[in-house]
Amino acid sequence: MRNKGYIGSFKRRTGEAMDGCAIFWKENLFCLLEGESIEFKGFGLRDNVAQLFVFEVELMMLKEVAMHLLLHFLLTAGKIPVVS
């Protein structure tokens, strides 16, 4: 996924389970401000885990992506004439 511009975080469950909790985000659209992992076993609960993240949205890049998608939609829907 890295070659597509995504980065992520994985937290394996406690105990013998091999699964866990993962989150991925587009590095050029979101800036990670803070992240925290929680192991529920530490609270006397099952072997579950959670991840909490706070992101800042990169608005300029998001605007560029939105404009590109809108233009693509309008071109493919035939709303903008293409002159050749």
PDB file of N, CA and C in Angstrom:
ATOM      1  N   MET A   1       0.822  -1.196   0.000  1.00  0.00           N
ATOM      2  CA  MET A   1       0.000   0.000   0.000  1.00  0.00           C
ATOM      3  C   MET A   1       0.867   1.260   0.000  1.00  0.00           C
ATOM      4  N   ARG A   2       2.101   1.114   0.435  1.00  0.00           N
ATOM      5  CA  ARG A   2       3.016   2.257   0.476  1.00  0.00           C
ATOM      6  C   ARG A   2       3.202   2.861  -0.922  1.00  0.00           C
ATOM      7  N   ASN A   3       3.274   1.981  -1.949  1.00  0.00           N
ATOM      8  CA  ASN A   3       3.476   2.492  -3.309  1.00  0.00           C
ATOM      9  C   ASN A   3       2.251   3.253  -3.832  1.00  0.00           C
ATOM     10  N   LYS A   4       1.115   3.173  -3.154  1.00  0.00           N
ATOM     11  CA  LYS A   4      -0.095   3.927  -3.508  1.00  0.00           C
ATOM     12  C   LYS A   4      -0.249   5.187  -2.657  1.00  0.00           C
ATOM     13  N   GLY A   5       0.743   5.460  -1.784  1.00  0.00           N
ATOM     14  CA  GLY A   5       0.706   6.669  -0.974  1.00  0.00           C
ATOM     15  C   GLY A   5       0.091   6.521   0.401  1.00  0.00           C
ATOM     16  N   TYR A   6      -0.168   5.283   0.816  1.00  0.00           N
ATOM     17  CA  TYR A   6      -0.765   5.047   2.129  1.00  0.00           C
ATOM     18  C   TYR A   6       0.313   4.714   3.155  1.00  0.00           C
ATOM     19  N   ILE A   7       0.075   5.136   4.386  1.00  0.00           N
ATOM     20  CA  ILE A   7       0.873   4.675   5.514  1.00  0.00           C
ATOM     21  C   ILE A   7      -0.113   4.172   6.554  1.00  0.00           C
ATOM     22  N   GLY A   8       0.367   3.422   7.526  1.00  0.00           N
ATOM     23  CA  GLY A   8      -0.569   2.859   8.480  1.00  0.00           C
ATOM     24  C   GLY A   8       0.072   2.426   9.769  1.00  0.00           C
ATOM     25  N   SER A   9      -0.778   1.903  10.622  1.00  0.00           N
ATOM     26  CA  SER A   9      -0.367   1.415  11.930  1.00  0.00           C
ATOM     27  C   SER A   9      -1.141   0.133  12.217  1.00  0.00           C
ATOM     28  N   PHE A  10      -0.459  -0.847  12.819  1.00  0.00           N
ATOM     29  CA  PHE A  10      -1.088  -2.117  13.182  1.00  0.00           C
ATOM     30  C   PHE A  10      -0.773  -2.411  14.638  1.00  0.00           C
ATOM     31  N   LYS A  11      -1.780  -2.818  15.391  1.00  0.00           N
ATOM     32  CA  LYS A  11      -1.616  -3.250  16.784  1.00  0.00           C
ATOM     33  C   LYS A  11      -2.175  -4.660  16.896  1.00  0.00           C
ATOM     34  N   ARG A  12      -1.298  -5.627  17.220  1.00  0.00           N
ATOM     35  CA  ARG A  12      -1.710  -7.019  17.354  1.00  0.00           C
ATOM     36  C   ARG A  12      -2.471  -7.210  18.660  1.00  0.00           C
ATOM     37  N   ARG A  13      -3.505  -8.061  18.598  1.00  0.00           N
ATOM     38  CA  ARG A  13      -4.253  -8.371  19.812  1.00  0.00           C
ATOM     39  C   ARG A  13      -3.349  -9.047  20.826  1.00  0.00           C
ATOM     40  N   THR A  14      -3.679  -8.869  22.079  1.00  0.00           N
ATOM     41  CA  THR A  14      -2.965  -9.577  23.133  1.00  0.00           C
ATOM     42  C   THR A  14      -3.434 -11.027  23.151  1.00  0.00           C
ATOM     43  N   GLY A  15      -2.748 -11.882  23.849  1.00  0.00           N
ATOM     44  CA  GLY A  15      -3.114 -13.298  23.886  1.00  0.00           C
ATOM     45  C   GLY A  15      -2.539 -14.034  22.692  1.00  0.00           C
ATOM     46  N   GLU A  16      -3.187 -15.133  22.336  1.00  0.00           N
ATOM     47  CA  GLU A  16      -2.669 -15.983  21.268  1.00  0.00           C
ATOM     48  C   GLU A  16      -3.205 -15.648  19.877  1.00  0.00           C
ATOM     49  N   ALA A  17      -4.169 -14.781  19.785  1.00  0.00           N
ATOM     50  CA  ALA A  17      -4.737 -14.421  18.483  1.00  0.00           C
ATOM     51  C   ALA A  17      -3.686 -13.725  17.621  1.00  0.00           C
ATOM     52  N   MET A  18      -3.754 -13.950  16.300  1.00  0.00           N
ATOM     53  CA  MET A  18      -2.783 -13.355  15.384  1.00  0.00           C
ATOM     54  C   MET A  18      -3.338 -12.148  14.644  1.00  0.00           C
ATOM     55  N   ASP A  19      -4.596 -11.778  14.896  1.00  0.00           N
ATOM     56  CA  ASP A  19      -5.166 -10.614  14.228  1.00  0.00           C
ATOM     57  C   ASP A  19      -4.994  -9.382  15.110  1.00  0.00           C
ATOM     58  N   GLY A  20      -5.613  -8.305  14.726  1.00  0.00           N
ATOM     59  CA  GLY A  20      -5.485  -7.080  15.509  1.00  0.00           C
ATOM     60  C   GLY A  20      -6.270  -5.951  14.882  1.00  0.00           C
ATOM     61  N   CYS A  21      -5.769  -4.758  15.072  1.00  0.00           N
ATOM     62  CA  CYS A  21      -6.433  -3.554  14.604  1.00  0.00           C
ATOM     63  C   CYS A  21      -5.448  -2.765  13.747  1.00  0.00           C
ATOM     64  N   ALA A  22      -5.887  -2.384  12.547  1.00  0.00           N
ATOM     65  CA  ALA A  22      -5.028  -1.617  11.644  1.00  0.00           C
ATOM     66  C   ALA A  22      -5.792  -0.414  11.114  1.00  0.00           C
ATOM     67  N   ILE A  23      -5.050   0.644  10.848  1.00  0.00           N
ATOM     68  CA  ILE A  23      -5.624   1.829  10.224  1.00  0.00           C
ATOM     69  C   ILE A  23      -4.623   2.333   9.191  1.00  0.00           C
ATOM     70  N   PHE A  24      -5.127   2.749   8.033  1.00  0.00           N
ATOM     71  CA  PHE A  24      -4.296   3.262   6.952  1.00  0.00           C
ATOM     72  C   PHE A  24      -4.865   4.597   6.491  1.00  0.00           C
ATOM     73  N   TRP A  25      -3.981   5.497   6.086  1.00  0.00           N
ATOM     74  CA  TRP A  25      -4.415   6.789   5.587  1.00  0.00           C
ATOM     75  C   TRP A  25      -3.477   7.261   4.482  1.00  0.00           C
ATOM     76  N   LYS A  26      -4.024   8.144   3.624  1.00  0.00           N
ATOM     77  CA  LYS A  26      -3.234   8.735   2.544  1.00  0.00           C
ATOM     78  C   LYS A  26      -2.335   9.809   3.143  1.00  0.00           C
ATOM     79  N   GLU A  27      -1.046   9.598   2.979  1.00  0.00           N
ATOM     80  CA  GLU A  27      -0.067  10.493   3.593  1.00  0.00           C
ATOM     81  C   GLU A  27      -0.159  11.921   3.067  1.00  0.00           C
ATOM     82  N   ASN A  28      -0.566  12.091   1.808  1.00  0.00           N
ATOM     83  CA  ASN A  28      -0.643  13.444   1.249  1.00  0.00           C
ATOM     84  C   ASN A  28      -1.960  14.146   1.587  1.00  0.00           C
ATOM     85  N   LEU A  29      -2.935  13.444   2.157  1.00  0.00           N
ATOM     86  CA  LEU A  29      -4.213  14.055   2.515  1.00  0.00           C
ATOM     87  C   LEU A  29      -4.382  14.280   4.009  1.00  0.00           C
ATOM     88  N   PHE A  30      -3.693  13.477   4.823  1.00  0.00           N
ATOM     89  CA  PHE A  30      -3.846  13.550   6.273  1.00  0.00           C
ATOM     90  C   PHE A  30      -2.491  13.560   6.962  1.00  0.00           C
ATOM     91  N   CYS A  31      -2.368  14.419   7.947  1.00  0.00           N
ATOM     92  CA  CYS A  31      -1.143  14.503   8.746  1.00  0.00           C
ATOM     93  C   CYS A  31      -1.468  13.975  10.145  1.00  0.00           C
ATOM     94  N   LEU A  32      -0.757  12.953  10.568  1.00  0.00           N
ATOM     95  CA  LEU A  32      -0.984  12.366  11.890  1.00  0.00           C
ATOM     96  C   LEU A  32      -0.465  13.309  12.965  1.00  0.00           C
ATOM     97  N   LEU A  33      -1.348  13.723  13.874  1.00  0.00           N
ATOM     98  CA  LEU A  33      -0.955  14.594  14.973  1.00  0.00           C
ATOM     99  C   LEU A  33      -0.658  13.799  16.236  1.00  0.00           C
ATOM    100  N   GLU A  34      -1.476  12.769  16.485  1.00  0.00           N
ATOM    101  CA  GLU A  34      -1.298  11.986  17.707  1.00  0.00           C
ATOM    102  C   GLU A  34      -1.937  10.619  17.520  1.00  0.00           C
ATOM    103  N   GLY A  35      -1.325   9.600  18.107  1.00  0.00           N
ATOM    104  CA  GLY A  35      -1.871   8.252  18.042  1.00  0.00           C
ATOM    105  C   GLY A  35      -1.681   7.521  19.352  1.00  0.00           C
ATOM    106  N   GLU A  36      -2.617   6.648  19.657  1.00  0.00           N
ATOM    107  CA  GLU A  36      -2.568   5.889  20.909  1.00  0.00           C
ATOM    108  C   GLU A  36      -3.174   4.510  20.682  1.00  0.00           C
ATOM    109  N   SER A  37      -2.551   3.487  21.270  1.00  0.00           N
ATOM    110  CA  SER A  37      -3.095   2.129  21.226  1.00  0.00           C
ATOM    111  C   SER A  37      -3.572   1.748  22.617  1.00  0.00           C
ATOM    112  N   ILE A  38      -4.669   1.014  22.658  1.00  0.00           N
ATOM    113  CA  ILE A  38      -5.245   0.585  23.933  1.00  0.00           C
ATOM    114  C   ILE A  38      -5.337  -0.935  23.943  1.00  0.00           C
ATOM    115  N   GLU A  39      -4.848  -1.541  25.003  1.00  0.00           N
ATOM    116  CA  GLU A  39      -5.003  -2.988  25.222  1.00  0.00           C
ATOM    117  C   GLU A  39      -6.067  -3.175  26.301  1.00  0.00           C
ATOM    118  N   PHE A  40      -7.201  -3.763  25.933  1.00  0.00           N
ATOM    119  CA  PHE A  40      -8.329  -3.907  26.849  1.00  0.00           C
ATOM    120  C   PHE A  40      -8.024  -4.869  27.999  1.00  0.00           C
ATOM    121  N   LYS A  41      -7.088  -5.775  27.787  1.00  0.00           N
ATOM    122  CA  LYS A  41      -6.730  -6.733  28.841  1.00  0.00           C
ATOM    123  C   LYS A  41      -6.228  -5.999  30.086  1.00  0.00           C
ATOM    124  N   GLY A  42      -5.604  -4.856  29.892  1.00  0.00           N
ATOM    125  CA  GLY A  42      -5.131  -4.053  31.016  1.00  0.00           C
ATOM    126  C   GLY A  42      -6.257  -3.504  31.878  1.00  0.00           C
ATOM    127  N   PHE A  43      -7.483  -3.560  31.374  1.00  0.00           N
ATOM    128  CA  PHE A  43      -8.653  -3.109  32.122  1.00  0.00           C
ATOM    129  C   PHE A  43      -9.505  -4.288  32.596  1.00  0.00           C
ATOM    130  N   GLY A  44      -8.915  -5.483  32.555  1.00  0.00           N
ATOM    131  CA  GLY A  44      -9.640  -6.676  32.989  1.00  0.00           C
ATOM    132  C   GLY A  44     -10.636  -7.187  31.968  1.00  0.00           C
ATOM    133  N   LEU A  45     -10.500  -6.772  30.723  1.00  0.00           N
ATOM    134  CA  LEU A  45     -11.406  -7.200  29.663  1.00  0.00           C
ATOM    135  C   LEU A  45     -10.714  -8.222  28.770  1.00  0.00           C
ATOM    136  N   ARG A  46     -11.337  -8.582  27.678  1.00  0.00           N
ATOM    137  CA  ARG A  46     -10.789  -9.581  26.756  1.00  0.00           C
ATOM    138  C   ARG A  46      -9.530  -9.082  26.066  1.00  0.00           C
ATOM    139  N   ASP A  47      -8.994  -9.896  25.152  1.00  0.00           N
ATOM    140  CA  ASP A  47      -7.733  -9.600  24.476  1.00  0.00           C
ATOM    141  C   ASP A  47      -7.876  -8.637  23.301  1.00  0.00           C
ATOM    142  N   ASN A  48      -8.874  -7.795  23.310  1.00  0.00           N
ATOM    143  CA  ASN A  48      -9.080  -6.851  22.218  1.00  0.00           C
ATOM    144  C   ASN A  48      -8.149  -5.643  22.350  1.00  0.00           C
ATOM    145  N   VAL A  49      -7.942  -4.973  21.223  1.00  0.00           N
ATOM    146  CA  VAL A  49      -7.147  -3.751  21.197  1.00  0.00           C
ATOM    147  C   VAL A  49      -7.890  -2.698  20.376  1.00  0.00           C
ATOM    148  N   ALA A  50      -7.479  -1.463  20.540  1.00  0.00           N
ATOM    149  CA  ALA A  50      -8.048  -0.358  19.761  1.00  0.00           C
ATOM    150  C   ALA A  50      -6.930   0.632  19.472  1.00  0.00           C
ATOM    151  N   GLN A  51      -7.141   1.429  18.433  1.00  0.00           N
ATOM    152  CA  GLN A  51      -6.216   2.504  18.103  1.00  0.00           C
ATOM    153  C   GLN A  51      -7.017   3.786  17.927  1.00  0.00           C
ATOM    154  N   LEU A  52      -6.513   4.842  18.492  1.00  0.00           N
ATOM    155  CA  LEU A  52      -7.138   6.157  18.373  1.00  0.00           C
ATOM    156  C   LEU A  52      -6.130   7.089  17.726  1.00  0.00           C
ATOM    157  N   PHE A  53      -6.574   7.820  16.711  1.00  0.00           N
ATOM    158  CA  PHE A  53      -5.686   8.727  16.006  1.00  0.00           C
ATOM    159  C   PHE A  53      -6.360  10.077  15.813  1.00  0.00           C
ATOM    160  N   VAL A  54      -5.546  11.115  15.842  1.00  0.00           N
ATOM    161  CA  VAL A  54      -6.006  12.472  15.545  1.00  0.00           C
ATOM    162  C   VAL A  54      -5.237  12.924  14.315  1.00  0.00           C
ATOM    163  N   PHE A  55      -5.985  13.337  13.291  1.00  0.00           N
ATOM    164  CA  PHE A  55      -5.385  13.764  12.033  1.00  0.00           C
ATOM    165  C   PHE A  55      -5.688  15.228  11.746  1.00  0.00           C
ATOM    166  N   GLU A  56      -4.809  15.835  10.995  1.00  0.00           N
ATOM    167  CA  GLU A  56      -5.064  17.148  10.428  1.00  0.00           C
ATOM    168  C   GLU A  56      -5.255  16.925   8.929  1.00  0.00           C
ATOM    169  N   VAL A  57      -6.310  17.495   8.375  1.00  0.00           N
ATOM    170  CA  VAL A  57      -6.595  17.336   6.953  1.00  0.00           C
ATOM    171  C   VAL A  57      -5.764  18.346   6.177  1.00  0.00           C
ATOM    172  N   GLU A  58      -5.065  17.862   5.161  1.00  0.00           N
ATOM    173  CA  GLU A  58      -4.291  18.734   4.280  1.00  0.00           C
ATOM    174  C   GLU A  58      -5.265  19.335   3.267  1.00  0.00           C
ATOM    175  N   LEU A  59      -5.829  20.493   3.585  1.00  0.00           N
ATOM    176  CA  LEU A  59      -6.920  21.073   2.794  1.00  0.00           C
ATOM    177  C   LEU A  59      -6.529  21.403   1.363  1.00  0.00           C
ATOM    178  N   MET A  60      -5.342  21.922   1.146  1.00  0.00           N
ATOM    179  CA  MET A  60      -4.965  22.282  -0.222  1.00  0.00           C
ATOM    180  C   MET A  60      -4.938  21.043  -1.114  1.00  0.00           C
ATOM    181  N   MET A  61      -4.356  19.964  -0.629  1.00  0.00           N
ATOM    182  CA  MET A  61      -4.306  18.741  -1.420  1.00  0.00           C
ATOM    183  C   MET A  61      -5.718  18.188  -1.604  1.00  0.00           C
ATOM    184  N   LEU A  62      -6.545  18.252  -0.564  1.00  0.00           N
ATOM    185  CA  LEU A  62      -7.916  17.757  -0.655  1.00  0.00           C
ATOM    186  C   LEU A  62      -8.703  18.550  -1.699  1.00  0.00           C
ATOM    187  N   LYS A  63      -8.486  19.862  -1.768  1.00  0.00           N
ATOM    188  CA  LYS A  63      -9.156  20.685  -2.774  1.00  0.00           C
ATOM    189  C   LYS A  63      -8.722  20.281  -4.179  1.00  0.00           C
ATOM    190  N   GLU A  64      -7.427  20.008  -4.361  1.00  0.00           N
ATOM    191  CA  GLU A  64      -6.934  19.587  -5.664  1.00  0.00           C
ATOM    192  C   GLU A  64      -7.549  18.257  -6.083  1.00  0.00           C
ATOM    193  N   VAL A  65      -7.641  17.324  -5.151  1.00  0.00           N
ATOM    194  CA  VAL A  65      -8.238  16.016  -5.440  1.00  0.00           C
ATOM    195  C   VAL A  65      -9.714  16.190  -5.789  1.00  0.00           C
ATOM    196  N   ALA A  66     -10.424  17.019  -5.038  1.00  0.00           N
ATOM    197  CA  ALA A  66     -11.851  17.243  -5.300  1.00  0.00           C
ATOM    198  C   ALA A  66     -12.057  17.871  -6.672  1.00  0.00           C
ATOM    199  N   MET A  67     -11.240  18.842  -7.032  1.00  0.00           N
ATOM    200  CA  MET A  67     -11.362  19.471  -8.340  1.00  0.00           C
ATOM    201  C   MET A  67     -11.071  18.482  -9.463  1.00  0.00           C
ATOM    202  N   HIS A  68     -10.060  17.645  -9.265  1.00  0.00           N
ATOM    203  CA  HIS A  68      -9.733  16.633 -10.272  1.00  0.00           C
ATOM    204  C   HIS A  68     -10.899  15.660 -10.458  1.00  0.00           C
ATOM    205  N   LEU A  69     -11.491  15.208  -9.349  1.00  0.00           N
ATOM    206  CA  LEU A  69     -12.619  14.282  -9.443  1.00  0.00           C
ATOM    207  C   LEU A  69     -13.830  14.936 -10.103  1.00  0.00           C
ATOM    208  N   LEU A  70     -14.092  16.200  -9.766  1.00  0.00           N
ATOM    209  CA  LEU A  70     -15.210  16.914 -10.379  1.00  0.00           C
ATOM    210  C   LEU A  70     -14.994  17.067 -11.883  1.00  0.00           C
ATOM    211  N   LEU A  71     -13.802  17.463 -12.277  1.00  0.00           N
ATOM    212  CA  LEU A  71     -13.507  17.614 -13.694  1.00  0.00           C
ATOM    213  C   LEU A  71     -13.653  16.284 -14.425  1.00  0.00           C
ATOM    214  N   HIS A  72     -13.130  15.220 -13.832  1.00  0.00           N
ATOM    215  CA  HIS A  72     -13.252  13.891 -14.443  1.00  0.00           C
ATOM    216  C   HIS A  72     -14.720  13.507 -14.599  1.00  0.00           C
ATOM    217  N   PHE A  73     -15.518  13.752 -13.568  1.00  0.00           N
ATOM    218  CA  PHE A  73     -16.944  13.430 -13.617  1.00  0.00           C
ATOM    219  C   PHE A  73     -17.638  14.220 -14.733  1.00  0.00           C
ATOM    220  N   LEU A  74     -17.357  15.515 -14.797  1.00  0.00           N
ATOM    221  CA  LEU A  74     -18.005  16.347 -15.814  1.00  0.00           C
ATOM    222  C   LEU A  74     -17.590  15.933 -17.221  1.00  0.00           C
ATOM    223  N   LEU A  75     -16.334  15.601 -17.412  1.00  0.00           N
ATOM    224  CA  LEU A  75     -15.871  15.162 -18.730  1.00  0.00           C
ATOM    225  C   LEU A  75     -16.503  13.835 -19.136  1.00  0.00           C
ATOM    226  N   THR A  76     -16.562  12.897 -18.207  1.00  0.00           N
ATOM    227  CA  THR A  76     -17.110  11.571 -18.537  1.00  0.00           C
ATOM    228  C   THR A  76     -18.633  11.610 -18.656  1.00  0.00           C
ATOM    229  N   ALA A  77     -19.263  12.570 -17.997  1.00  0.00           N
ATOM    230  CA  ALA A  77     -20.721  12.683 -18.096  1.00  0.00           C
ATOM    231  C   ALA A  77     -21.148  13.468 -19.327  1.00  0.00           C
ATOM    232  N   GLY A  78     -20.167  14.000 -20.038  1.00  0.00           N
ATOM    233  CA  GLY A  78     -20.474  14.751 -21.263  1.00  0.00           C
ATOM    234  C   GLY A  78     -20.957  16.157 -21.033  1.00  0.00           C
ATOM    235  N   LYS A  79     -20.748  16.703 -19.859  1.00  0.00           N
ATOM    236  CA  LYS A  79     -21.206  18.061 -19.543  1.00  0.00           C
ATOM    237  C   LYS A  79     -20.238  19.125 -20.042  1.00  0.00           C
ATOM    238  N   ILE A  80     -18.986  18.759 -20.245  1.00  0.00           N
ATOM    239  CA  ILE A  80     -17.999  19.694 -20.765  1.00  0.00           C
ATOM    240  C   ILE A  80     -17.583  19.204 -22.139  1.00  0.00           C
ATOM    241  N   PRO A  81     -17.807  20.011 -23.168  1.00  0.00           N
ATOM    242  CA  PRO A  81     -17.415  19.577 -24.508  1.00  0.00           C
ATOM    243  C   PRO A  81     -15.889  19.523 -24.648  1.00  0.00           C
ATOM    244  N   VAL A  82     -15.407  18.482 -25.242  1.00  0.00           N
ATOM    245  CA  VAL A  82     -13.970  18.333 -25.496  1.00  0.00           C
ATOM    246  C   VAL A  82     -13.722  18.725 -26.939  1.00  0.00           C
ATOM    247  N   VAL A  83     -12.900  19.761 -27.139  1.00  0.00           N
ATOM    248  CA  VAL A  83     -12.589  20.251 -28.476  1.00  0.00           C
ATOM    249  C   VAL A  83     -11.262  19.632 -28.900  1.00  0.00           C
ATOM    250  N   SER A  84     -11.259  19.019 -30.091  1.00  0.00           N
ATOM    251  CA  SER A  84      -9.992  18.436 -30.561  1.00  0.00           C
ATOM    252  C   SER A  84      -9.499  19.126 -31.799  1.00  0.00           C
TER     253      SER A  84
END
